[in-house]
N, C-alpha and C. Protein backbone atom coordinates (compact mmCIF):
# COMPACT_ATOMS: atom_id res chain seq x y z
N MET A 1 91.48 26.70 50.19
CA MET A 1 91.38 25.27 50.50
C MET A 1 92.31 25.37 52.01
N ILE A 2 93.56 25.26 51.41
CA ILE A 2 94.87 24.93 51.86
C ILE A 2 95.04 26.20 53.16
N ASN A 3 94.58 27.69 52.82
CA ASN A 3 94.66 28.34 53.47
C ASN A 3 94.09 28.65 54.74
N SER A 4 92.87 28.35 54.84
CA SER A 4 91.79 27.93 55.51
C SER A 4 92.15 27.00 56.37
N LEU A 5 92.65 26.03 56.42
CA LEU A 5 93.07 24.77 57.18
C LEU A 5 94.41 25.81 57.93
N ILE A 6 95.33 25.93 57.32
CA ILE A 6 96.42 27.03 58.30
C ILE A 6 95.56 27.65 58.94
N LYS A 7 94.60 29.06 59.08
CA LYS A 7 94.07 29.69 59.86
C LYS A 7 93.57 28.88 60.74
N LEU A 8 92.98 27.65 60.81
CA LEU A 8 92.38 26.82 61.38
C LEU A 8 93.34 26.24 62.57
N LYS A 9 94.67 25.82 62.02
CA LYS A 9 96.02 25.34 63.08
C LYS A 9 96.16 26.53 63.47
N LEU A 10 95.99 27.58 63.24
CA LEU A 10 96.66 28.49 63.73
C LEU A 10 95.51 29.16 65.12
N LEU A 11 94.66 28.83 64.81
CA LEU A 11 93.47 29.40 65.84
C LEU A 11 93.34 28.14 66.69
N LYS A 12 93.64 26.92 66.13
CA LYS A 12 94.02 25.69 67.12
C LYS A 12 94.92 26.14 68.74
N LEU A 13 96.23 26.42 67.69
CA LEU A 13 97.28 26.53 68.57
C LEU A 13 97.40 27.90 69.60
N THR A 14 96.93 28.96 68.92
CA THR A 14 96.81 30.04 69.94
C THR A 14 95.40 29.52 70.86
N ILE A 15 94.50 28.86 70.78
CA ILE A 15 93.35 28.63 71.85
C ILE A 15 94.41 27.86 72.73
N VAL A 16 94.98 26.93 72.34
CA VAL A 16 95.78 25.81 73.08
C VAL A 16 96.83 26.65 73.95
N GLY A 17 97.66 27.38 73.40
CA GLY A 17 98.50 28.13 74.15
C GLY A 17 97.53 29.09 75.04
N ALA A 18 96.81 29.63 74.97
CA ALA A 18 96.14 30.73 75.88
C ALA A 18 95.89 29.78 76.66
N ILE A 19 94.95 28.74 76.76
CA ILE A 19 94.45 27.97 77.70
C ILE A 19 95.75 27.09 79.06
N ALA A 20 96.93 26.88 78.22
CA ALA A 20 98.18 26.60 78.74
C ALA A 20 98.80 27.47 79.39
N GLY A 21 98.63 28.66 78.75
CA GLY A 21 99.39 30.01 79.47
C GLY A 21 98.50 30.28 80.81
N GLY A 22 97.12 30.01 80.45
CA GLY A 22 96.30 30.56 81.90
C GLY A 22 96.55 29.28 82.94
N ILE A 23 96.78 28.10 82.37
CA ILE A 23 96.58 27.23 83.75
C ILE A 23 97.99 27.30 84.22
N ALA A 24 99.45 27.69 83.59
CA ALA A 24 100.81 28.11 84.13
C ALA A 24 100.37 28.89 85.01
N THR A 25 99.74 30.41 84.49
CA THR A 25 99.98 31.51 85.23
C THR A 25 98.90 31.19 86.58
N GLY A 26 97.91 30.63 86.44
CA GLY A 26 97.30 29.94 87.76
C GLY A 26 98.14 28.94 88.60
N ALA A 27 98.95 28.04 88.34
CA ALA A 27 99.92 27.42 89.15
C ALA A 27 100.63 28.55 89.55
N PHE A 28 101.17 29.33 88.69
CA PHE A 28 102.26 30.19 89.23
C PHE A 28 101.71 30.83 90.52
N ALA A 29 100.73 31.49 90.00
CA ALA A 29 99.99 32.22 91.35
C ALA A 29 99.75 31.71 92.78
N SER A 30 99.43 30.62 92.23
CA SER A 30 99.18 29.53 93.58
C SER A 30 100.18 29.36 94.46
N VAL A 31 101.58 29.16 93.75
CA VAL A 31 102.87 28.66 94.64
C VAL A 31 103.07 29.99 94.96
N VAL A 32 102.94 31.25 94.53
CA VAL A 32 103.14 32.66 95.06
C VAL A 32 102.51 32.54 96.13
N ALA A 33 101.37 32.41 95.97
CA ALA A 33 100.23 32.85 97.13
C ALA A 33 100.72 31.66 98.34
N LYS A 34 101.07 30.45 97.98
CA LYS A 34 101.38 29.82 99.38
C LYS A 34 102.68 30.10 99.98
N GLU A 35 103.65 30.77 98.97
CA GLU A 35 104.58 31.34 99.74
C GLU A 35 104.37 32.33 100.56
N MET A 36 103.76 33.35 100.13
CA MET A 36 103.24 34.30 100.78
C MET A 36 102.44 33.94 102.33
N CYS A 37 101.77 32.71 102.15
CA CYS A 37 101.05 32.65 103.56
C CYS A 37 102.43 32.10 104.54
N LYS A 38 103.28 31.58 104.09
CA LYS A 38 104.12 30.59 105.04
C LYS A 38 105.12 31.86 105.61
N LYS A 39 105.31 33.14 104.89
CA LYS A 39 105.97 33.97 105.17
C LYS A 39 105.51 34.78 106.21
N LYS A 40 103.84 34.79 106.09
CA LYS A 40 103.20 35.88 107.02
C LYS A 40 103.10 34.87 108.14
N LYS A 41 102.64 33.28 108.14
CA LYS A 41 102.91 32.52 109.35
C LYS A 41 104.63 32.58 110.52
N THR A 42 105.08 32.15 109.44
CA THR A 42 106.72 32.12 110.18
C THR A 42 106.75 34.01 110.69
N SER A 43 106.56 34.87 110.04
CA SER A 43 107.07 36.23 110.46
C SER A 43 105.78 36.55 111.66
N GLU A 44 104.72 36.23 112.03
CA GLU A 44 103.63 36.10 112.80
C GLU A 44 103.84 35.52 114.44
N GLU A 45 105.09 34.19 114.12
CA GLU A 45 105.10 33.38 114.99
C GLU A 45 106.47 33.71 116.02
N LYS A 46 106.99 34.31 115.56
CA LYS A 46 108.52 35.24 115.64
C LYS A 46 108.00 36.40 116.88
């Protein structure tokens, strides 16, 4: 009984961690993409 509870908690933690990691990765990727766009625009204007 206790063992299954621990497994359930670990499963929840991994799911939450995966979702949080995915959101963090997406946010980081969008920031990098925005910076790339800014650099492209500034280099084209020169």
